Amino acid sequence: MKTSSIFWGTLFIVLGILVLINNFSPINFYWGDIWQFWPVVLVLLGISILIKYQTGKIVVVAAAAIVLALTIFATFKFTISFVENDFEILFGLTNDNYEYSITEYHEAFDSSITKAIFNLDGGAGSFNISSTTDEIIYVKTIGVENNFDFITSKYDSVCKIKLNMKKTRFHFGKGKYKNKVDISLNEKLYWDLNFDIGAAAIKLDLSKYKIEYVDVNMGAALLEVKLGALAERTKFYVDAGASKIDISVPKEIGCQIKIDDVLSANDIKGFKYIKSGLYRTEGFDEAEKKIFIDINTGVSSVKIVRY
């Protein structure tokens, strides 16, 4: 059989399988990680030319087709993640005629508030939580000026906060698209956090806060989370496609992990294997404080460690 037939046959088979899996469990590759490997296709095709034996040629050419299929699919899904959101295309921008703007959003502290619910609809960009504030919440965005709707409401002792991106913008020219969001939370309050984010880098250091509930719904993303031990019960949910997920949990607290995945590389350290997709720390049932982690993902890299 000709190596060209092997290449194109493997390419279409792998693409078909990826699309089929995506139809039942949507997957979004972390495009930045996948795309950087596309030169491997050229290397493998070059090796296939040098190899004399037909069996070796077939193996190398098939591997090249698989890498190319992953790259094509990752690019397609990355593009779709933008199209699904409202977006704007800007032409002719240069570093001289476009400057990133800093926009600040905040809600003043109210002594009657004991719990806050924060909902973020962020599209594409970089989203970080790491510092505390004397206010209920303080948000600084770097990018297009006033590109978010910031809405707050209060009832009883609860403050509900919504931060919604208005548009995803593309800049063509020397200027580059930028959307960076830094979030500071009040450490005295109990928090529920909900994130609906597309292609993004998300870094959440939640070790300083009383976190009761976190729900992260993301597409092609890099997620790094550090959980703390300040709440009696913390429930942490992740619904992702093909993403890179790193989670750190404190050693002094009981933790249970449930993973429902299609095809993932899981690195789980310091946990006892209970059954397929279920892990717990030693003494979980007797622990006074507990964290429940539930991950639903397609093709991802999941790493969970204790610190």
C-alpha atoms as a PDB file:
ATOM      1  CA  MET A   1       0.000   0.000   0.000  1.00  0.00           C
ATOM      2  CA  LYS A   2       1.240   3.490  -0.869  1.00  0.00           C
ATOM      3  CA  THR A   3       2.356   5.670   2.029  1.00  0.00           C
ATOM      4  CA  SER A   4       0.246   8.528   0.639  1.00  0.00           C
ATOM      5  CA  SER A   5      -2.848   6.362   1.036  1.00  0.00           C
ATOM      6  CA  ILE A   6      -1.842   5.545   4.620  1.00  0.00           C
ATOM      7  CA  PHE A   7      -1.339   9.245   5.390  1.00  0.00           C
ATOM      8  CA  TRP A   8      -4.662  10.499   4.006  1.00  0.00           C
ATOM      9  CA  GLY A   9      -6.608   7.501   5.256  1.00  0.00           C
ATOM     10  CA  THR A  10      -5.268   7.904   8.809  1.00  0.00           C
ATOM     11  CA  LEU A  11      -5.828  11.679   8.710  1.00  0.00           C
ATOM     12  CA  PHE A  12      -9.504  11.350   7.783  1.00  0.00           C
ATOM     13  CA  ILE A  13     -10.098   8.492  10.228  1.00  0.00           C
ATOM     14  CA  VAL A  14      -8.642  10.419  13.191  1.00  0.00           C
ATOM     15  CA  LEU A  15     -10.515  13.604  12.246  1.00  0.00           C
ATOM     16  CA  GLY A  16     -13.718  11.602  11.962  1.00  0.00           C
ATOM     17  CA  ILE A  17     -13.201  10.013  15.375  1.00  0.00           C
ATOM     18  CA  LEU A  18     -12.519  13.412  16.979  1.00  0.00           C
ATOM     19  CA  VAL A  19     -15.651  14.928  15.447  1.00  0.00           C
ATOM     20  CA  LEU A  20     -17.698  11.899  16.521  1.00  0.00           C
ATOM     21  CA  ILE A  21     -16.457  12.139  20.125  1.00  0.00           C
ATOM     22  CA  ASN A  22     -17.110  15.882  20.078  1.00  0.00           C
ATOM     23  CA  ASN A  23     -20.735  15.286  19.063  1.00  0.00           C
ATOM     24  CA  PHE A  24     -21.382  13.323  22.258  1.00  0.00           C
ATOM     25  CA  SER A  25     -18.946  15.023  24.640  1.00  0.00           C
ATOM     26  CA  PRO A  26     -17.754  18.424  23.339  1.00  0.00           C
ATOM     27  CA  ILE A  27     -13.967  18.709  23.395  1.00  0.00           C
ATOM     28  CA  ASN A  28     -11.791  21.795  23.029  1.00  0.00           C
ATOM     29  CA  PHE A  29      -8.054  21.410  22.731  1.00  0.00           C
ATOM     30  CA  TYR A  30      -5.794  23.880  24.466  1.00  0.00           C
ATOM     31  CA  TRP A  31      -4.724  25.283  21.113  1.00  0.00           C
ATOM     32  CA  GLY A  32      -1.476  26.851  22.309  1.00  0.00           C
ATOM     33  CA  ASP A  33      -0.123  23.481  23.462  1.00  0.00           C
ATOM     34  CA  ILE A  34      -1.269  21.534  20.369  1.00  0.00           C
ATOM     35  CA  TRP A  35      -0.294  24.056  17.684  1.00  0.00           C
ATOM     36  CA  GLN A  36       3.354  24.251  18.734  1.00  0.00           C
ATOM     37  CA  PHE A  37       3.771  20.576  17.773  1.00  0.00           C
ATOM     38  CA  TRP A  38       2.764  20.986  14.093  1.00  0.00           C
ATOM     39  CA  PRO A  39       6.429  20.955  12.875  1.00  0.00           C
ATOM     40  CA  VAL A  40       6.521  17.332  14.092  1.00  0.00           C
ATOM     41  CA  VAL A  41       4.511  16.509  10.957  1.00  0.00           C
ATOM     42  CA  LEU A  42       7.370  17.758   8.763  1.00  0.00           C
ATOM     43  CA  VAL A  43       9.942  15.866  10.816  1.00  0.00           C
ATOM     44  CA  LEU A  44       8.004  12.602  10.585  1.00  0.00           C
ATOM     45  CA  LEU A  45       7.395  12.953   6.859  1.00  0.00           C
ATOM     46  CA  GLY A  46      11.114  13.596   6.398  1.00  0.00           C
ATOM     47  CA  ILE A  47      11.956  10.469   8.399  1.00  0.00           C
ATOM     48  CA  SER A  48       9.517   8.432   6.307  1.00  0.00           C
ATOM     49  CA  ILE A  49      11.410   9.429   3.143  1.00  0.00           C
ATOM     50  CA  LEU A  50      14.704   8.233   4.631  1.00  0.00           C
ATOM     51  CA  ILE A  51      13.375   4.906   5.918  1.00  0.00           C
ATOM     52  CA  LYS A  52      13.877   2.032   3.480  1.00  0.00           C
ATOM     53  CA  TYR A  53      11.519  -0.522   4.999  1.00  0.00           C
ATOM     54  CA  GLN A  54       7.817  -0.262   4.108  1.00  0.00           C
ATOM     55  CA  THR A  55       6.593  -1.160   7.606  1.00  0.00           C
ATOM     56  CA  GLY A  56       8.606   1.650   9.155  1.00  0.00           C
ATOM     57  CA  LYS A  57       7.333   4.103   6.541  1.00  0.00           C
ATOM     58  CA  ILE A  58       3.732   3.173   7.330  1.00  0.00           C
ATOM     59  CA  VAL A  59       4.179   3.690  11.084  1.00  0.00           C
ATOM     60  CA  VAL A  60       5.895   7.069  10.726  1.00  0.00           C
ATOM     61  CA  VAL A  61       3.480   8.382   8.097  1.00  0.00           C
ATOM     62  CA  ALA A  62       0.492   7.313  10.208  1.00  0.00           C
ATOM     63  CA  ALA A  63       1.971   9.141  13.220  1.00  0.00           C
ATOM     64  CA  ALA A  64       2.393  12.282  11.112  1.00  0.00           C
ATOM     65  CA  ALA A  65      -1.240  12.082  10.036  1.00  0.00           C
ATOM     66  CA  ILE A  66      -2.401  11.762  13.649  1.00  0.00           C
ATOM     67  CA  VAL A  67      -0.438  14.861  14.726  1.00  0.00           C
ATOM     68  CA  LEU A  68      -1.794  16.838  11.760  1.00  0.00           C
ATOM     69  CA  ALA A  69      -5.360  15.722  12.521  1.00  0.00           C
ATOM     70  CA  LEU A  70      -5.045  16.876  16.127  1.00  0.00           C
ATOM     71  CA  THR A  71      -3.675  20.235  14.974  1.00  0.00           C
ATOM     72  CA  ILE A  72      -6.475  20.748  12.427  1.00  0.00           C
ATOM     73  CA  PHE A  73      -9.162  19.829  14.945  1.00  0.00           C
ATOM     74  CA  ALA A  74      -7.640  22.012  17.691  1.00  0.00           C
ATOM     75  CA  THR A  75      -7.520  24.987  15.304  1.00  0.00           C
ATOM     76  CA  PHE A  76     -11.125  24.410  14.237  1.00  0.00           C
ATOM     77  CA  LYS A  77     -12.378  24.220  17.823  1.00  0.00           C
ATOM     78  CA  PHE A  78     -10.328  27.260  18.833  1.00  0.00           C
ATOM     79  CA  THR A  79     -11.959  29.271  16.029  1.00  0.00           C
ATOM     80  CA  ILE A  80     -15.443  28.064  16.913  1.00  0.00           C
ATOM     81  CA  SER A  81     -14.959  29.114  20.546  1.00  0.00           C
ATOM     82  CA  PHE A  82     -14.641  32.718  19.329  1.00  0.00           C
ATOM     83  CA  VAL A  83     -17.445  32.555  16.774  1.00  0.00           C
ATOM     84  CA  GLU A  84     -19.878  31.346  19.435  1.00  0.00           C
ATOM     85  CA  ASN A  85     -19.302  34.614  21.309  1.00  0.00           C
ATOM     86  CA  ASP A  86     -20.077  38.111  20.116  1.00  0.00           C
ATOM     87  CA  PHE A  87     -16.894  39.481  18.538  1.00  0.00           C
ATOM     88  CA  GLU A  88     -15.545  42.489  16.715  1.00  0.00           C
ATOM     89  CA  ILE A  89     -12.733  42.746  14.158  1.00  0.00           C
ATOM     90  CA  LEU A  90     -10.555  45.869  14.178  1.00  0.00           C
ATOM     91  CA  PHE A  91      -8.168  46.642  11.314  1.00  0.00           C
ATOM     92  CA  GLY A  92      -5.169  48.924  10.943  1.00  0.00           C
ATOM     93  CA  LEU A  93      -4.222  49.173  14.592  1.00  0.00           C
ATOM     94  CA  THR A  94      -0.602  49.851  15.475  1.00  0.00           C
ATOM     95  CA  ASN A  95       1.244  50.146  18.719  1.00  0.00           C
ATOM     96  CA  ASP A  96       1.252  53.920  18.190  1.00  0.00           C
ATOM     97  CA  ASN A  97      -2.495  54.406  17.799  1.00  0.00           C
ATOM     98  CA  TYR A  98      -3.804  51.800  20.215  1.00  0.00           C
ATOM     99  CA  GLU A  99      -3.146  51.553  23.931  1.00  0.00           C
ATOM    100  CA  TYR A 100      -4.593  49.102  26.376  1.00  0.00           C
ATOM    101  CA  SER A 101      -6.910  50.681  28.906  1.00  0.00           C
ATOM    102  CA  ILE A 102      -7.271  49.826  32.577  1.00  0.00           C
ATOM    103  CA  THR A 103     -10.847  49.655  33.813  1.00  0.00           C
ATOM    104  CA  GLU A 104     -11.732  49.126  37.476  1.00  0.00           C
ATOM    105  CA  TYR A 105     -14.921  47.670  38.915  1.00  0.00           C
ATOM    106  CA  HIS A 106     -15.662  47.344  42.630  1.00  0.00           C
ATOM    107  CA  GLU A 107     -18.370  46.940  45.241  1.00  0.00           C
ATOM    108  CA  ALA A 108     -17.951  48.647  48.621  1.00  0.00           C
ATOM    109  CA  PHE A 109     -17.913  46.547  51.760  1.00  0.00           C
ATOM    110  CA  ASP A 110     -21.224  46.147  53.594  1.00  0.00           C
ATOM    111  CA  SER A 111     -21.131  44.745  57.135  1.00  0.00           C
ATOM    112  CA  SER A 112     -24.557  43.138  56.648  1.00  0.00           C
ATOM    113  CA  ILE A 113     -23.155  40.868  53.901  1.00  0.00           C
ATOM    114  CA  THR A 114     -21.777  37.482  54.947  1.00  0.00           C
ATOM    115  CA  LYS A 115     -21.822  35.650  51.610  1.00  0.00           C
ATOM    116  CA  ALA A 116     -21.076  36.657  48.014  1.00  0.00           C
ATOM    117  CA  ILE A 117     -21.852  34.961  44.694  1.00  0.00           C
ATOM    118  CA  PHE A 118     -19.601  35.898  41.781  1.00  0.00           C
ATOM    119  CA  ASN A 119     -20.531  34.990  38.191  1.00  0.00           C
ATOM    120  CA  LEU A 120     -18.009  35.618  35.409  1.00  0.00           C
ATOM    121  CA  ASP A 121     -18.757  35.252  31.695  1.00  0.00           C
ATOM    122  CA  GLY A 122     -15.360  35.968  30.250  1.00  0.00           C
ATOM    123  CA  GLY A 123     -14.892  34.643  26.720  1.00  0.00           C
ATOM    124  CA  ALA A 124     -11.197  34.618  25.810  1.00  0.00           C
ATOM    125  CA  GLY A 125      -8.330  36.042  27.832  1.00  0.00           C
ATOM    126  CA  SER A 126      -6.397  35.716  31.068  1.00  0.00           C
ATOM    127  CA  PHE A 127      -8.293  35.528  34.364  1.00  0.00           C
ATOM    128  CA  ASN A 128      -6.620  35.593  37.779  1.00  0.00           C
ATOM    129  CA  ILE A 129      -7.625  35.543  41.446  1.00  0.00           C
ATOM    130  CA  SER A 130      -4.814  35.899  43.963  1.00  0.00           C
ATOM    131  CA  SER A 131      -5.138  38.933  46.253  1.00  0.00           C
ATOM    132  CA  THR A 132      -7.583  40.178  48.887  1.00  0.00           C
ATOM    133  CA  THR A 133      -9.438  43.471  49.237  1.00  0.00           C
ATOM    134  CA  ASP A 134     -11.198  45.442  51.985  1.00  0.00           C
ATOM    135  CA  GLU A 135     -14.137  45.889  49.606  1.00  0.00           C
ATOM    136  CA  ILE A 136     -16.481  43.043  48.710  1.00  0.00           C
ATOM    137  CA  ILE A 137     -14.784  42.689  45.340  1.00  0.00           C
ATOM    138  CA  TYR A 138     -12.310  44.626  43.240  1.00  0.00           C
ATOM    139  CA  VAL A 139     -11.713  43.872  39.547  1.00  0.00           C
ATOM    140  CA  LYS A 140      -9.077  45.373  37.267  1.00  0.00           C
ATOM    141  CA  THR A 141      -9.244  44.697  33.538  1.00  0.00           C
ATOM    142  CA  ILE A 142      -6.509  45.454  31.025  1.00  0.00           C
ATOM    143  CA  GLY A 143      -7.656  45.648  27.414  1.00  0.00           C
ATOM    144  CA  VAL A 144     -10.510  47.431  25.686  1.00  0.00           C
ATOM    145  CA  GLU A 145     -11.970  50.099  27.942  1.00  0.00           C
ATOM    146  CA  ASN A 146     -15.289  49.277  29.640  1.00  0.00           C
ATOM    147  CA  ASN A 147     -15.571  45.922  27.860  1.00  0.00           C
ATOM    148  CA  PHE A 148     -17.485  44.326  30.747  1.00  0.00           C
ATOM    149  CA  ASP A 149     -20.895  44.754  32.314  1.00  0.00           C
ATOM    150  CA  PHE A 150     -20.576  44.857  36.113  1.00  0.00           C
ATOM    151  CA  ILE A 151     -23.877  44.230  37.894  1.00  0.00           C
ATOM    152  CA  THR A 152     -24.452  43.796  41.637  1.00  0.00           C
ATOM    153  CA  SER A 153     -27.517  43.079  43.733  1.00  0.00           C
ATOM    154  CA  LYS A 154     -28.120  42.347  47.417  1.00  0.00           C
ATOM    155  CA  TYR A 155     -30.719  40.336  49.248  1.00  0.00           C
ATOM    156  CA  ASP A 156     -30.697  39.519  52.951  1.00  0.00           C
ATOM    157  CA  SER A 157     -27.022  38.904  53.772  1.00  0.00           C
ATOM    158  CA  VAL A 158     -25.963  37.889  50.226  1.00  0.00           C
ATOM    159  CA  CYS A 159     -24.312  39.995  47.535  1.00  0.00           C
ATOM    160  CA  LYS A 160     -24.594  38.728  43.957  1.00  0.00           C
ATOM    161  CA  ILE A 161     -22.045  40.011  41.434  1.00  0.00           C
ATOM    162  CA  LYS A 162     -22.040  39.542  37.644  1.00  0.00           C
ATOM    163  CA  LEU A 163     -19.115  40.386  35.374  1.00  0.00           C
ATOM    164  CA  ASN A 164     -19.960  39.771  31.703  1.00  0.00           C
ATOM    165  CA  MET A 165     -17.718  40.448  28.727  1.00  0.00           C
ATOM    166  CA  LYS A 166     -19.455  42.538  26.054  1.00  0.00           C
ATOM    167  CA  LYS A 167     -17.396  41.547  22.997  1.00  0.00           C
ATOM    168  CA  THR A 168     -14.416  39.475  21.947  1.00  0.00           C
ATOM    169  CA  ARG A 169     -12.260  41.725  19.774  1.00  0.00           C
ATOM    170  CA  PHE A 170      -9.660  40.804  17.157  1.00  0.00           C
ATOM    171  CA  HIS A 171      -6.973  43.323  16.222  1.00  0.00           C
ATOM    172  CA  PHE A 172      -5.229  43.102  12.857  1.00  0.00           C
ATOM    173  CA  GLY A 173      -2.079  45.185  12.503  1.00  0.00           C
ATOM    174  CA  LYS A 174       0.800  45.699  14.920  1.00  0.00           C
ATOM    175  CA  GLY A 175      -1.529  45.945  17.869  1.00  0.00           C
ATOM    176  CA  LYS A 176      -2.339  42.707  19.694  1.00  0.00           C
ATOM    177  CA  TYR A 177      -5.557  41.538  21.301  1.00  0.00           C
ATOM    178  CA  LYS A 178      -5.395  41.606  25.066  1.00  0.00           C
ATOM    179  CA  ASN A 179      -7.926  40.776  27.758  1.00  0.00           C
ATOM    180  CA  LYS A 180      -6.492  40.408  31.248  1.00  0.00           C
ATOM    181  CA  VAL A 181      -8.715  40.333  34.311  1.00  0.00           C
ATOM    182  CA  ASP A 182      -7.348  40.462  37.878  1.00  0.00           C
ATOM    183  CA  ILE A 183      -9.867  39.809  40.651  1.00  0.00           C
ATOM    184  CA  SER A 184      -9.525  40.493  44.382  1.00  0.00           C
ATOM    185  CA  LEU A 185     -12.018  39.066  46.883  1.00  0.00           C
ATOM    186  CA  ASN A 186     -12.827  39.881  50.497  1.00  0.00           C
ATOM    187  CA  GLU A 187     -11.439  37.126  52.714  1.00  0.00           C
ATOM    188  CA  LYS A 188     -14.069  37.637  55.450  1.00  0.00           C
ATOM    189  CA  LEU A 189     -16.988  36.479  53.294  1.00  0.00           C
ATOM    190  CA  TYR A 190     -18.093  33.040  52.165  1.00  0.00           C
ATOM    191  CA  TRP A 191     -17.908  32.687  48.388  1.00  0.00           C
ATOM    192  CA  ASP A 192     -19.647  30.878  45.526  1.00  0.00           C
ATOM    193  CA  LEU A 193     -17.805  31.289  42.209  1.00  0.00           C
ATOM    194  CA  ASN A 194     -19.139  30.533  38.725  1.00  0.00           C
ATOM    195  CA  PHE A 195     -16.959  30.867  35.615  1.00  0.00           C
ATOM    196  CA  ASP A 196     -18.102  30.502  31.999  1.00  0.00           C
ATOM    197  CA  ILE A 197     -14.955  30.992  29.947  1.00  0.00           C
ATOM    198  CA  GLY A 198     -13.797  30.061  26.449  1.00  0.00           C
ATOM    199  CA  ALA A 199     -10.188  29.998  25.230  1.00  0.00           C
ATOM    200  CA  ALA A 200      -8.323  31.261  28.265  1.00  0.00           C
ATOM    201  CA  ALA A 201      -5.618  30.966  30.876  1.00  0.00           C
ATOM    202  CA  ILE A 202      -7.226  30.781  34.327  1.00  0.00           C
ATOM    203  CA  LYS A 203      -5.210  30.995  37.550  1.00  0.00           C
ATOM    204  CA  LEU A 204      -7.173  30.842  40.800  1.00  0.00           C
ATOM    205  CA  ASP A 205      -5.343  31.002  44.128  1.00  0.00           C
ATOM    206  CA  LEU A 206      -8.332  30.413  46.423  1.00  0.00           C
ATOM    207  CA  SER A 207      -6.342  29.391  49.492  1.00  0.00           C
ATOM    208  CA  LYS A 208      -7.026  32.732  51.263  1.00  0.00           C
ATOM    209  CA  TYR A 209     -10.824  32.607  50.977  1.00  0.00           C
ATOM    210  CA  LYS A 210     -13.800  30.770  52.455  1.00  0.00           C
ATOM    211  CA  ILE A 211     -14.837  28.978  49.291  1.00  0.00           C
ATOM    212  CA  GLU A 212     -18.021  26.901  49.455  1.00  0.00           C
ATOM    213  CA  TYR A 213     -18.739  26.334  45.783  1.00  0.00           C
ATOM    214  CA  VAL A 214     -16.856  26.702  42.491  1.00  0.00           C
ATOM    215  CA  ASP A 215     -18.160  25.856  39.010  1.00  0.00           C
ATOM    216  CA  VAL A 216     -15.797  26.271  36.046  1.00  0.00           C
ATOM    217  CA  ASN A 217     -17.234  25.771  32.563  1.00  0.00           C
ATOM    218  CA  MET A 218     -14.450  26.255  30.039  1.00  0.00           C
ATOM    219  CA  GLY A 219     -13.439  25.473  26.504  1.00  0.00           C
ATOM    220  CA  ALA A 220      -9.829  25.492  25.296  1.00  0.00           C
ATOM    221  CA  ALA A 221      -8.198  26.565  28.524  1.00  0.00           C
ATOM    222  CA  LEU A 222      -5.323  26.252  30.951  1.00  0.00           C
ATOM    223  CA  LEU A 223      -6.683  26.002  34.500  1.00  0.00           C
ATOM    224  CA  GLU A 224      -4.505  26.280  37.609  1.00  0.00           C
ATOM    225  CA  VAL A 225      -6.285  26.196  40.986  1.00  0.00           C
ATOM    226  CA  LYS A 226      -5.053  26.236  44.571  1.00  0.00           C
ATOM    227  CA  LEU A 227      -7.767  25.420  47.116  1.00  0.00           C
ATOM    228  CA  GLY A 228      -7.625  26.219  50.823  1.00  0.00           C
ATOM    229  CA  ALA A 229      -8.974  24.851  54.096  1.00  0.00           C
ATOM    230  CA  LEU A 230     -11.041  27.771  55.431  1.00  0.00           C
ATOM    231  CA  ALA A 231     -14.526  26.387  54.695  1.00  0.00           C
ATOM    232  CA  GLU A 232     -16.108  23.303  56.251  1.00  0.00           C
ATOM    233  CA  ARG A 233     -17.222  22.011  52.841  1.00  0.00           C
ATOM    234  CA  THR A 234     -15.978  23.034  49.406  1.00  0.00           C
ATOM    235  CA  LYS A 235     -17.537  21.706  46.207  1.00  0.00           C
ATOM    236  CA  PHE A 236     -15.483  22.218  43.068  1.00  0.00           C
ATOM    237  CA  TYR A 237     -16.861  21.373  39.622  1.00  0.00           C
ATOM    238  CA  VAL A 238     -15.025  21.528  36.284  1.00  0.00           C
ATOM    239  CA  ASP A 239     -16.690  20.959  32.908  1.00  0.00           C
ATOM    240  CA  ALA A 240     -14.054  21.140  30.182  1.00  0.00           C
ATOM    241  CA  GLY A 241     -13.146  19.928  26.746  1.00  0.00           C
ATOM    242  CA  ALA A 242      -9.523  19.116  26.011  1.00  0.00           C
ATOM    243  CA  SER A 243      -7.750  21.368  28.490  1.00  0.00           C
ATOM    244  CA  LYS A 244      -4.826  21.383  30.884  1.00  0.00           C
ATOM    245  CA  ILE A 245      -5.988  21.246  34.497  1.00  0.00           C
ATOM    246  CA  ASP A 246      -3.743  21.553  37.591  1.00  0.00           C
ATOM    247  CA  ILE A 247      -5.354  21.504  41.060  1.00  0.00           C
ATOM    248  CA  SER A 248      -3.639  21.744  44.464  1.00  0.00           C
ATOM    249  CA  VAL A 249      -5.450  20.819  47.707  1.00  0.00           C
ATOM    250  CA  PRO A 250      -4.178  21.141  51.321  1.00  0.00           C
ATOM    251  CA  LYS A 251      -2.948  18.007  53.086  1.00  0.00           C
ATOM    252  CA  GLU A 252      -4.835  18.741  56.307  1.00  0.00           C
ATOM    253  CA  ILE A 253      -8.263  18.424  54.704  1.00  0.00           C
ATOM    254  CA  GLY A 254     -10.181  15.390  53.396  1.00  0.00           C
ATOM    255  CA  CYS A 255     -10.655  15.335  49.629  1.00  0.00           C
ATOM    256  CA  GLN A 256     -12.672  13.259  47.176  1.00  0.00           C
ATOM    257  CA  ILE A 257     -12.125  13.328  43.418  1.00  0.00           C
ATOM    258  CA  LYS A 258     -14.494  12.118  40.719  1.00  0.00           C
ATOM    259  CA  ILE A 259     -13.306  12.174  37.114  1.00  0.00           C
ATOM    260  CA  ASP A 260     -15.548  11.444  34.137  1.00  0.00           C
ATOM    261  CA  ASP A 261     -13.411  11.650  31.021  1.00  0.00           C
ATOM    262  CA  VAL A 262     -13.327  10.375  27.464  1.00  0.00           C
ATOM    263  CA  LEU A 263      -9.566  10.131  27.126  1.00  0.00           C
ATOM    264  CA  SER A 264      -7.293  11.961  29.564  1.00  0.00           C
ATOM    265  CA  ALA A 265      -3.828  11.748  31.055  1.00  0.00           C
ATOM    266  CA  ASN A 266      -4.415  11.834  34.822  1.00  0.00           C
ATOM    267  CA  ASP A 267      -1.676  12.426  37.388  1.00  0.00           C
ATOM    268  CA  ILE A 268      -3.225  12.182  40.876  1.00  0.00           C
ATOM    269  CA  LYS A 269      -0.803  12.179  43.806  1.00  0.00           C
ATOM    270  CA  GLY A 270      -1.535  11.582  47.503  1.00  0.00           C
ATOM    271  CA  PHE A 271      -4.943   9.967  46.932  1.00  0.00           C
ATOM    272  CA  LYS A 272      -6.238   6.436  47.372  1.00  0.00           C
ATOM    273  CA  TYR A 273      -7.767   4.759  44.335  1.00  0.00           C
ATOM    274  CA  ILE A 274     -11.313   3.619  45.199  1.00  0.00           C
ATOM    275  CA  LYS A 275     -12.653   2.584  41.801  1.00  0.00           C
ATOM    276  CA  SER A 276     -12.611   3.792  38.227  1.00  0.00           C
ATOM    277  CA  GLY A 277     -12.803   7.594  38.280  1.00  0.00           C
ATOM    278  CA  LEU A 278     -13.002   7.869  42.096  1.00  0.00           C
ATOM    279  CA  TYR A 279     -10.188   8.814  44.491  1.00  0.00           C
ATOM    280  CA  ARG A 280     -10.083   9.809  48.180  1.00  0.00           C
ATOM    281  CA  THR A 281      -7.516  10.860  50.738  1.00  0.00           C
ATOM    282  CA  GLU A 282      -6.787   8.578  53.691  1.00  0.00           C
ATOM    283  CA  GLY A 283      -9.303   9.114  56.508  1.00  0.00           C
ATOM    284  CA  PHE A 284     -11.710  10.994  54.254  1.00  0.00           C
ATOM    285  CA  ASP A 285     -14.865   9.829  56.061  1.00  0.00           C
ATOM    286  CA  GLU A 286     -13.559  11.035  59.449  1.00  0.00           C
ATOM    287  CA  ALA A 287     -12.200  14.386  58.227  1.00  0.00           C
ATOM    288  CA  GLU A 288     -13.843  17.480  59.760  1.00  0.00           C
ATOM    289  CA  LYS A 289     -13.309  19.572  56.629  1.00  0.00           C
ATOM    290  CA  LYS A 290     -13.798  18.191  53.140  1.00  0.00           C
ATOM    291  CA  ILE A 291     -13.305  19.160  49.511  1.00  0.00           C
ATOM    292  CA  PHE A 292     -15.313  17.480  46.759  1.00  0.00           C
ATOM    293  CA  ILE A 293     -13.829  17.750  43.263  1.00  0.00           C
ATOM    294  CA  ASP A 294     -15.892  16.676  40.251  1.00  0.00           C
ATOM    295  CA  ILE A 295     -14.245  16.852  36.819  1.00  0.00           C
ATOM    296  CA  ASN A 296     -16.093  16.193  33.564  1.00  0.00           C
ATOM    297  CA  THR A 297     -13.777  16.428  30.591  1.00  0.00           C
ATOM    298  CA  GLY A 298     -13.072  15.174  27.104  1.00  0.00           C
ATOM    299  CA  VAL A 299      -9.418  14.765  26.113  1.00  0.00           C
ATOM    300  CA  SER A 300      -7.408  16.596  28.770  1.00  0.00           C
ATOM    301  CA  SER A 301      -4.393  16.597  31.026  1.00  0.00           C
ATOM    302  CA  VAL A 302      -5.436  16.497  34.699  1.00  0.00           C
ATOM    303  CA  LYS A 303      -2.944  16.849  37.553  1.00  0.00           C
ATOM    304  CA  ILE A 304      -3.982  16.940  41.212  1.00  0.00           C
ATOM    305  CA  VAL A 305      -1.515  17.221  44.107  1.00  0.00           C
ATOM    306  CA  ARG A 306      -1.617  17.844  47.874  1.00  0.00           C
ATOM    307  CA  TYR A 307       0.474  20.558  49.483  1.00  0.00           C
END
